Amino acid sequence: TIRLDFNGENELAAIMIMGFLINEKDKYLSIAEAYDEVAQKVSEVLSLHPEFVGKRALVSYNNLTIYSDKGAQGWMPKKIGLVNAWTYDSSKDDKEYVNAKNGDSEWYLNERFACDYIIAFSNFTYSKDASADNILSQMNQYFQKLEAFPEKTILFNSSIPQLAKTAYMLEGLFPEDVGVGYGNKVLQDYLNEFNPSFGSTYDVSKDGLFLVTSEEIKTYVESHPLSS
């Protein structure tokens, strides 16, 4: 029995093992090349912004569950040169995540979570209901505290391959370097190449929403005040 994790930091390794097991060497090598292209783009962008490398990012999900660097998606910052703001400490009574919705409502003031960036994500898959309103409505009560958040907060739809997650994070933080629509192109190319029956009927840029920028978040919370 072999257990493969297709939703973690080692997603590509799982894909390549599966490709080997089903004797699809050419296909898994092509997928690896696609991952390498995104990794190369990250290297190019970070070479232009050496001050960015090593800064702190908080990783949050849907109702603002906060992930440590050992949590389910806590690996994401390192893919774009950041470090997770919350380093898991196994020597203490620590957890790999904190559900801010059910816990301390002042979580964002906790020094342990102090960060330069917030990377938030939501799982809307490839649904055509993945509008900014639908995604942001789930997080509105926390994004109302945006004045306490860092300048750059990005939100993306994460039910996608890791190379696309990385591309959207890179676009959200460096749109001037990769161009608007970079994440959509990476994801569409992936679908067209490796899932053509779906890619031919699904237009990433029109049928779904995979990236919400800091500016869009601010505009939303300003126009959707919470009822007292």
C-alpha atoms as a PDB file:
ATOM      1  CA  THR A   1       0.000   0.000   0.000  1.00  0.00           C
ATOM      2  CA  ILE A   2       1.366   3.398  -0.986  1.00  0.00           C
ATOM      3  CA  ARG A   3      -0.147   6.609   0.348  1.00  0.00           C
ATOM      4  CA  LEU A   4       0.417   9.618  -1.905  1.00  0.00           C
ATOM      5  CA  ASP A   5      -0.337  13.186  -0.815  1.00  0.00           C
ATOM      6  CA  PHE A   6      -1.502  15.209  -3.807  1.00  0.00           C
ATOM      7  CA  ASN A   7      -2.387  18.265  -1.730  1.00  0.00           C
ATOM      8  CA  GLY A   8       0.779  18.927   0.228  1.00  0.00           C
ATOM      9  CA  GLU A   9       4.195  20.451  -0.225  1.00  0.00           C
ATOM     10  CA  ASN A  10       5.474  17.317  -1.986  1.00  0.00           C
ATOM     11  CA  GLU A  11       2.663  17.213  -4.538  1.00  0.00           C
ATOM     12  CA  LEU A  12       5.024  16.916  -7.500  1.00  0.00           C
ATOM     13  CA  ALA A  13       6.792  13.936  -5.945  1.00  0.00           C
ATOM     14  CA  ALA A  14       3.412  12.219  -5.551  1.00  0.00           C
ATOM     15  CA  ILE A  15       2.571  12.933  -9.193  1.00  0.00           C
ATOM     16  CA  MET A  16       5.876  11.527 -10.390  1.00  0.00           C
ATOM     17  CA  ILE A  17       5.546   8.373  -8.273  1.00  0.00           C
ATOM     18  CA  MET A  18       2.056   7.819  -9.669  1.00  0.00           C
ATOM     19  CA  GLY A  19       3.339   8.412 -13.195  1.00  0.00           C
ATOM     20  CA  PHE A  20       6.034   5.808 -12.633  1.00  0.00           C
ATOM     21  CA  LEU A  21       3.558   3.276 -11.241  1.00  0.00           C
ATOM     22  CA  ILE A  22       1.237   3.589 -14.230  1.00  0.00           C
ATOM     23  CA  ASN A  23       4.132   3.720 -16.716  1.00  0.00           C
ATOM     24  CA  GLU A  24       3.495   7.292 -17.925  1.00  0.00           C
ATOM     25  CA  LYS A  25       7.075   8.572 -17.819  1.00  0.00           C
ATOM     26  CA  ASP A  26       6.701  11.141 -20.606  1.00  0.00           C
ATOM     27  CA  LYS A  27       3.631  12.667 -19.031  1.00  0.00           C
ATOM     28  CA  TYR A  28       5.029  13.041 -15.520  1.00  0.00           C
ATOM     29  CA  LEU A  29       8.277  14.483 -16.884  1.00  0.00           C
ATOM     30  CA  SER A  30       6.229  17.047 -18.811  1.00  0.00           C
ATOM     31  CA  ILE A  31       4.378  17.965 -15.618  1.00  0.00           C
ATOM     32  CA  ALA A  32       7.716  18.346 -13.827  1.00  0.00           C
ATOM     33  CA  GLU A  33       8.860  20.726 -16.562  1.00  0.00           C
ATOM     34  CA  ALA A  34       5.744  22.843 -16.021  1.00  0.00           C
ATOM     35  CA  TYR A  35       6.506  23.031 -12.298  1.00  0.00           C
ATOM     36  CA  ASP A  36      10.116  23.960 -13.084  1.00  0.00           C
ATOM     37  CA  GLU A  37       8.991  26.831 -15.301  1.00  0.00           C
ATOM     38  CA  VAL A  38       7.011  28.374 -12.444  1.00  0.00           C
ATOM     39  CA  ALA A  39       9.908  27.831 -10.043  1.00  0.00           C
ATOM     40  CA  GLN A  40      12.190  29.612 -12.522  1.00  0.00           C
ATOM     41  CA  LYS A  41       9.766  32.539 -12.689  1.00  0.00           C
ATOM     42  CA  VAL A  42       9.821  32.756  -8.888  1.00  0.00           C
ATOM     43  CA  SER A  43      13.624  32.878  -8.958  1.00  0.00           C
ATOM     44  CA  GLU A  44      13.591  35.631 -11.592  1.00  0.00           C
ATOM     45  CA  VAL A  45      11.139  37.771  -9.621  1.00  0.00           C
ATOM     46  CA  LEU A  46      12.886  37.282  -6.283  1.00  0.00           C
ATOM     47  CA  SER A  47      16.202  38.277  -7.849  1.00  0.00           C
ATOM     48  CA  LEU A  48      14.581  41.672  -8.472  1.00  0.00           C
ATOM     49  CA  HIS A  49      13.375  41.931  -4.872  1.00  0.00           C
ATOM     50  CA  PRO A  50      16.070  40.548  -2.544  1.00  0.00           C
ATOM     51  CA  GLU A  51      14.539  42.482   0.360  1.00  0.00           C
ATOM     52  CA  PHE A  52      11.413  40.348   0.056  1.00  0.00           C
ATOM     53  CA  VAL A  53      13.121  37.018   0.757  1.00  0.00           C
ATOM     54  CA  GLY A  54      12.654  35.843   4.329  1.00  0.00           C
ATOM     55  CA  LYS A  55       9.798  38.160   5.250  1.00  0.00           C
ATOM     56  CA  ARG A  56       6.907  36.731   7.248  1.00  0.00           C
ATOM     57  CA  ALA A  57       3.537  35.599   5.913  1.00  0.00           C
ATOM     58  CA  LEU A  58       0.485  34.299   7.717  1.00  0.00           C
ATOM     59  CA  VAL A  59      -1.467  31.503   6.023  1.00  0.00           C
ATOM     60  CA  SER A  60      -5.214  31.498   6.601  1.00  0.00           C
ATOM     61  CA  TYR A  61      -8.153  29.515   5.259  1.00  0.00           C
ATOM     62  CA  ASN A  62     -11.883  30.297   4.805  1.00  0.00           C
ATOM     63  CA  ASN A  63     -13.039  31.203   8.317  1.00  0.00           C
ATOM     64  CA  LEU A  64      -9.465  32.260   9.013  1.00  0.00           C
ATOM     65  CA  THR A  65      -8.022  29.114  10.372  1.00  0.00           C
ATOM     66  CA  ILE A  66      -4.366  30.034  10.845  1.00  0.00           C
ATOM     67  CA  TYR A  67      -1.779  27.429   9.820  1.00  0.00           C
ATOM     68  CA  SER A  68       1.666  27.039  11.335  1.00  0.00           C
ATOM     69  CA  ASP A  69       4.611  26.063   9.168  1.00  0.00           C
ATOM     70  CA  LYS A  70       3.699  22.437  10.001  1.00  0.00           C
ATOM     71  CA  GLY A  71      -0.004  22.873   9.224  1.00  0.00           C
ATOM     72  CA  ALA A  72      -1.819  21.507   6.190  1.00  0.00           C
ATOM     73  CA  GLN A  73      -1.056  24.464   3.905  1.00  0.00           C
ATOM     74  CA  GLY A  74       1.599  26.099   6.051  1.00  0.00           C
ATOM     75  CA  TRP A  75       4.276  25.344   3.469  1.00  0.00           C
ATOM     76  CA  MET A  76       2.905  27.838   0.942  1.00  0.00           C
ATOM     77  CA  PRO A  77       4.983  30.938   1.849  1.00  0.00           C
ATOM     78  CA  LYS A  78       8.295  29.198   1.197  1.00  0.00           C
ATOM     79  CA  LYS A  79       7.312  28.625  -2.431  1.00  0.00           C
ATOM     80  CA  ILE A  80       7.600  32.380  -3.035  1.00  0.00           C
ATOM     81  CA  GLY A  81      10.543  33.169  -0.760  1.00  0.00           C
ATOM     82  CA  LEU A  82       8.628  33.952   2.445  1.00  0.00           C
ATOM     83  CA  VAL A  83       8.637  32.200   5.805  1.00  0.00           C
ATOM     84  CA  ASN A  84       5.566  31.242   7.791  1.00  0.00           C
ATOM     85  CA  ALA A  85       4.994  33.777  10.579  1.00  0.00           C
ATOM     86  CA  TRP A  86       4.021  30.978  12.931  1.00  0.00           C
ATOM     87  CA  THR A  87       6.795  28.480  13.598  1.00  0.00           C
ATOM     88  CA  TYR A  88       5.393  25.370  15.207  1.00  0.00           C
ATOM     89  CA  ASP A  89       7.067  24.551  18.523  1.00  0.00           C
ATOM     90  CA  SER A  90       6.838  20.854  19.392  1.00  0.00           C
ATOM     91  CA  SER A  91       8.396  21.471  22.819  1.00  0.00           C
ATOM     92  CA  LYS A  92       5.327  23.420  23.954  1.00  0.00           C
ATOM     93  CA  ASP A  93       1.614  22.725  24.150  1.00  0.00           C
ATOM     94  CA  ASP A  94       1.338  23.865  20.561  1.00  0.00           C
ATOM     95  CA  LYS A  95      -1.056  23.172  17.714  1.00  0.00           C
ATOM     96  CA  GLU A  96      -0.559  23.139  13.978  1.00  0.00           C
ATOM     97  CA  TYR A  97      -3.474  25.499  13.438  1.00  0.00           C
ATOM     98  CA  VAL A  98      -5.749  27.912  15.283  1.00  0.00           C
ATOM     99  CA  ASN A  99      -9.367  28.356  14.305  1.00  0.00           C
ATOM    100  CA  ALA A 100      -9.713  32.097  14.789  1.00  0.00           C
ATOM    101  CA  LYS A 101     -13.461  31.967  14.282  1.00  0.00           C
ATOM    102  CA  ASN A 102     -13.979  29.819  17.374  1.00  0.00           C
ATOM    103  CA  GLY A 103     -11.068  31.171  19.357  1.00  0.00           C
ATOM    104  CA  ASP A 104      -9.730  34.530  20.403  1.00  0.00           C
ATOM    105  CA  SER A 105     -11.291  37.243  18.243  1.00  0.00           C
ATOM    106  CA  GLU A 106      -8.171  39.343  18.787  1.00  0.00           C
ATOM    107  CA  TRP A 107      -5.944  36.749  17.113  1.00  0.00           C
ATOM    108  CA  TYR A 108      -4.617  39.273  14.629  1.00  0.00           C
ATOM    109  CA  LEU A 109      -2.991  41.254  17.484  1.00  0.00           C
ATOM    110  CA  ASN A 110      -1.077  38.234  18.767  1.00  0.00           C
ATOM    111  CA  GLU A 111       2.648  38.923  18.411  1.00  0.00           C
ATOM    112  CA  ARG A 112       3.195  35.342  17.385  1.00  0.00           C
ATOM    113  CA  PHE A 113       1.226  35.969  14.196  1.00  0.00           C
ATOM    114  CA  ALA A 114       2.891  39.300  13.341  1.00  0.00           C
ATOM    115  CA  CYS A 115       3.574  39.287   9.615  1.00  0.00           C
ATOM    116  CA  ASP A 116       4.406  41.309   6.549  1.00  0.00           C
ATOM    117  CA  TYR A 117       1.873  39.553   4.314  1.00  0.00           C
ATOM    118  CA  ILE A 118      -1.270  37.471   4.593  1.00  0.00           C
ATOM    119  CA  ILE A 119      -1.910  34.618   2.170  1.00  0.00           C
ATOM    120  CA  ALA A 120      -5.544  33.614   2.473  1.00  0.00           C
ATOM    121  CA  PHE A 121      -7.190  30.864   0.489  1.00  0.00           C
ATOM    122  CA  SER A 122     -10.599  29.329  -0.075  1.00  0.00           C
ATOM    123  CA  ASN A 123     -11.637  26.098  -1.780  1.00  0.00           C
ATOM    124  CA  PHE A 124     -14.181  26.979  -4.447  1.00  0.00           C
ATOM    125  CA  THR A 125     -12.738  24.465  -6.919  1.00  0.00           C
ATOM    126  CA  TYR A 126     -13.643  25.260 -10.535  1.00  0.00           C
ATOM    127  CA  SER A 127     -17.138  26.406  -9.641  1.00  0.00           C
ATOM    128  CA  LYS A 128     -18.668  29.192 -11.694  1.00  0.00           C
ATOM    129  CA  ASP A 129     -20.021  30.475  -8.358  1.00  0.00           C
ATOM    130  CA  ALA A 130     -16.520  31.498  -7.300  1.00  0.00           C
ATOM    131  CA  SER A 131     -17.178  35.225  -7.345  1.00  0.00           C
ATOM    132  CA  ALA A 132     -15.346  37.765  -5.192  1.00  0.00           C
ATOM    133  CA  ASP A 133     -18.571  38.365  -3.254  1.00  0.00           C
ATOM    134  CA  ASN A 134     -19.064  34.677  -2.481  1.00  0.00           C
ATOM    135  CA  ILE A 135     -15.491  34.177  -1.389  1.00  0.00           C
ATOM    136  CA  LEU A 136     -15.084  37.396   0.573  1.00  0.00           C
ATOM    137  CA  SER A 137     -18.431  37.105   2.354  1.00  0.00           C
ATOM    138  CA  GLN A 138     -16.994  34.157   4.284  1.00  0.00           C
ATOM    139  CA  MET A 139     -14.130  36.285   5.584  1.00  0.00           C
ATOM    140  CA  ASN A 140     -15.732  39.703   5.819  1.00  0.00           C
ATOM    141  CA  GLN A 141     -15.830  39.930   9.619  1.00  0.00           C
ATOM    142  CA  TYR A 142     -12.075  39.481   9.742  1.00  0.00           C
ATOM    143  CA  PHE A 143     -11.189  41.590   6.752  1.00  0.00           C
ATOM    144  CA  GLN A 144     -13.119  44.412   8.452  1.00  0.00           C
ATOM    145  CA  LYS A 145     -10.049  44.589  10.682  1.00  0.00           C
ATOM    146  CA  LEU A 146      -7.907  45.285   7.639  1.00  0.00           C
ATOM    147  CA  GLU A 147      -6.253  48.281   9.287  1.00  0.00           C
ATOM    148  CA  ALA A 148      -4.481  45.764  11.522  1.00  0.00           C
ATOM    149  CA  PHE A 149      -3.422  43.669   8.537  1.00  0.00           C
ATOM    150  CA  PRO A 150      -0.251  44.140   6.482  1.00  0.00           C
ATOM    151  CA  GLU A 151      -0.394  46.135   3.272  1.00  0.00           C
ATOM    152  CA  LYS A 152      -0.371  43.070   1.059  1.00  0.00           C
ATOM    153  CA  THR A 153      -3.148  40.554   1.640  1.00  0.00           C
ATOM    154  CA  ILE A 154      -4.003  38.171  -1.180  1.00  0.00           C
ATOM    155  CA  LEU A 155      -6.801  35.639  -1.416  1.00  0.00           C
ATOM    156  CA  PHE A 156      -6.884  32.819  -3.901  1.00  0.00           C
ATOM    157  CA  ASN A 157      -8.942  29.768  -4.795  1.00  0.00           C
ATOM    158  CA  SER A 158      -6.677  26.895  -3.859  1.00  0.00           C
ATOM    159  CA  SER A 159      -8.348  23.755  -5.237  1.00  0.00           C
ATOM    160  CA  ILE A 160      -5.742  23.738  -7.984  1.00  0.00           C
ATOM    161  CA  PRO A 161      -2.304  22.217  -8.662  1.00  0.00           C
ATOM    162  CA  GLN A 162       0.589  23.529  -6.619  1.00  0.00           C
ATOM    163  CA  LEU A 163       2.282  25.210  -9.574  1.00  0.00           C
ATOM    164  CA  ALA A 164      -0.891  27.277 -10.078  1.00  0.00           C
ATOM    165  CA  LYS A 165      -1.079  28.141  -6.363  1.00  0.00           C
ATOM    166  CA  THR A 166       2.481  29.399  -6.593  1.00  0.00           C
ATOM    167  CA  ALA A 167       1.738  31.365  -9.757  1.00  0.00           C
ATOM    168  CA  TYR A 168      -1.271  33.108  -8.190  1.00  0.00           C
ATOM    169  CA  MET A 169       0.680  33.959  -5.034  1.00  0.00           C
ATOM    170  CA  LEU A 170       3.444  35.412  -7.187  1.00  0.00           C
ATOM    171  CA  GLU A 171       0.986  37.440  -9.251  1.00  0.00           C
ATOM    172  CA  GLY A 172      -0.820  38.679  -6.153  1.00  0.00           C
ATOM    173  CA  LEU A 173       2.389  40.054  -4.664  1.00  0.00           C
ATOM    174  CA  PHE A 174       4.292  41.037  -7.820  1.00  0.00           C
ATOM    175  CA  PRO A 175       1.769  41.843 -10.575  1.00  0.00           C
ATOM    176  CA  GLU A 176       4.148  44.418 -12.027  1.00  0.00           C
ATOM    177  CA  ASP A 177       6.777  41.717 -12.613  1.00  0.00           C
ATOM    178  CA  VAL A 178       4.727  38.797 -13.919  1.00  0.00           C
ATOM    179  CA  GLY A 179       1.795  40.691 -15.422  1.00  0.00           C
ATOM    180  CA  VAL A 180      -1.894  40.525 -14.611  1.00  0.00           C
ATOM    181  CA  GLY A 181      -3.285  37.165 -15.650  1.00  0.00           C
ATOM    182  CA  TYR A 182      -0.065  35.206 -15.083  1.00  0.00           C
ATOM    183  CA  GLY A 183      -1.768  32.775 -12.694  1.00  0.00           C
ATOM    184  CA  ASN A 184      -4.680  32.237 -15.080  1.00  0.00           C
ATOM    185  CA  LYS A 185      -2.280  31.443 -17.919  1.00  0.00           C
ATOM    186  CA  VAL A 186      -0.327  28.918 -15.842  1.00  0.00           C
ATOM    187  CA  LEU A 187      -3.509  27.151 -14.755  1.00  0.00           C
ATOM    188  CA  GLN A 188      -5.125  27.198 -18.206  1.00  0.00           C
ATOM    189  CA  ASP A 189      -1.972  25.834 -19.843  1.00  0.00           C
ATOM    190  CA  TYR A 190      -1.877  23.063 -17.233  1.00  0.00           C
ATOM    191  CA  LEU A 191      -5.508  22.111 -17.889  1.00  0.00           C
ATOM    192  CA  ASN A 192      -5.100  22.268 -21.648  1.00  0.00           C
ATOM    193  CA  GLU A 193      -2.029  20.033 -21.560  1.00  0.00           C
ATOM    194  CA  PHE A 194      -2.880  17.516 -18.869  1.00  0.00           C
ATOM    195  CA  ASN A 195      -6.682  17.537 -18.735  1.00  0.00           C
ATOM    196  CA  PRO A 196      -7.665  18.597 -22.267  1.00  0.00           C
ATOM    197  CA  SER A 197     -11.258  17.355 -22.076  1.00  0.00           C
ATOM    198  CA  PHE A 198     -11.858  19.777 -19.204  1.00  0.00           C
ATOM    199  CA  GLY A 199      -9.520  22.521 -20.399  1.00  0.00           C
ATOM    200  CA  SER A 200     -11.323  22.732 -23.720  1.00  0.00           C
ATOM    201  CA  THR A 201     -14.621  23.547 -21.980  1.00  0.00           C
ATOM    202  CA  TYR A 202     -13.405  25.629 -19.028  1.00  0.00           C
ATOM    203  CA  ASP A 203     -11.974  29.127 -19.457  1.00  0.00           C
ATOM    204  CA  VAL A 204     -10.055  29.967 -16.283  1.00  0.00           C
ATOM    205  CA  SER A 205     -10.249  33.719 -16.876  1.00  0.00           C
ATOM    206  CA  LYS A 206     -14.010  33.745 -17.504  1.00  0.00           C
ATOM    207  CA  ASP A 207     -15.596  30.761 -15.781  1.00  0.00           C
ATOM    208  CA  GLY A 208     -13.995  31.006 -12.356  1.00  0.00           C
ATOM    209  CA  LEU A 209     -12.157  33.298  -9.964  1.00  0.00           C
ATOM    210  CA  PHE A 210      -8.766  32.274  -8.634  1.00  0.00           C
ATOM    211  CA  LEU A 211      -7.183  35.472  -7.304  1.00  0.00           C
ATOM    212  CA  VAL A 212      -8.511  38.380  -5.239  1.00  0.00           C
ATOM    213  CA  THR A 213      -6.104  41.265  -4.663  1.00  0.00           C
ATOM    214  CA  SER A 214      -5.547  43.530  -1.659  1.00  0.00           C
ATOM    215  CA  GLU A 215      -7.327  46.346  -3.449  1.00  0.00           C
ATOM    216  CA  GLU A 216     -10.384  44.190  -4.160  1.00  0.00           C
ATOM    217  CA  ILE A 217     -10.531  43.059  -0.540  1.00  0.00           C
ATOM    218  CA  LYS A 218     -10.411  46.649   0.708  1.00  0.00           C
ATOM    219  CA  THR A 219     -13.129  47.738  -1.700  1.00  0.00           C
ATOM    220  CA  TYR A 220     -15.347  44.849  -0.612  1.00  0.00           C
ATOM    221  CA  VAL A 221     -15.099  45.427   3.120  1.00  0.00           C
ATOM    222  CA  GLU A 222     -15.692  49.153   2.691  1.00  0.00           C
ATOM    223  CA  SER A 223     -18.916  48.467   0.814  1.00  0.00           C
ATOM    224  CA  HIS A 224     -20.102  45.657   3.120  1.00  0.00           C
ATOM    225  CA  PRO A 225     -20.042  46.991   6.683  1.00  0.00           C
ATOM    226  CA  LEU A 226     -21.008  44.517   9.367  1.00  0.00           C
ATOM    227  CA  SER A 227     -24.337  45.054  11.076  1.00  0.00           C
ATOM    228  CA  SER A 228     -23.922  46.121  14.688  1.00  0.00           C
END
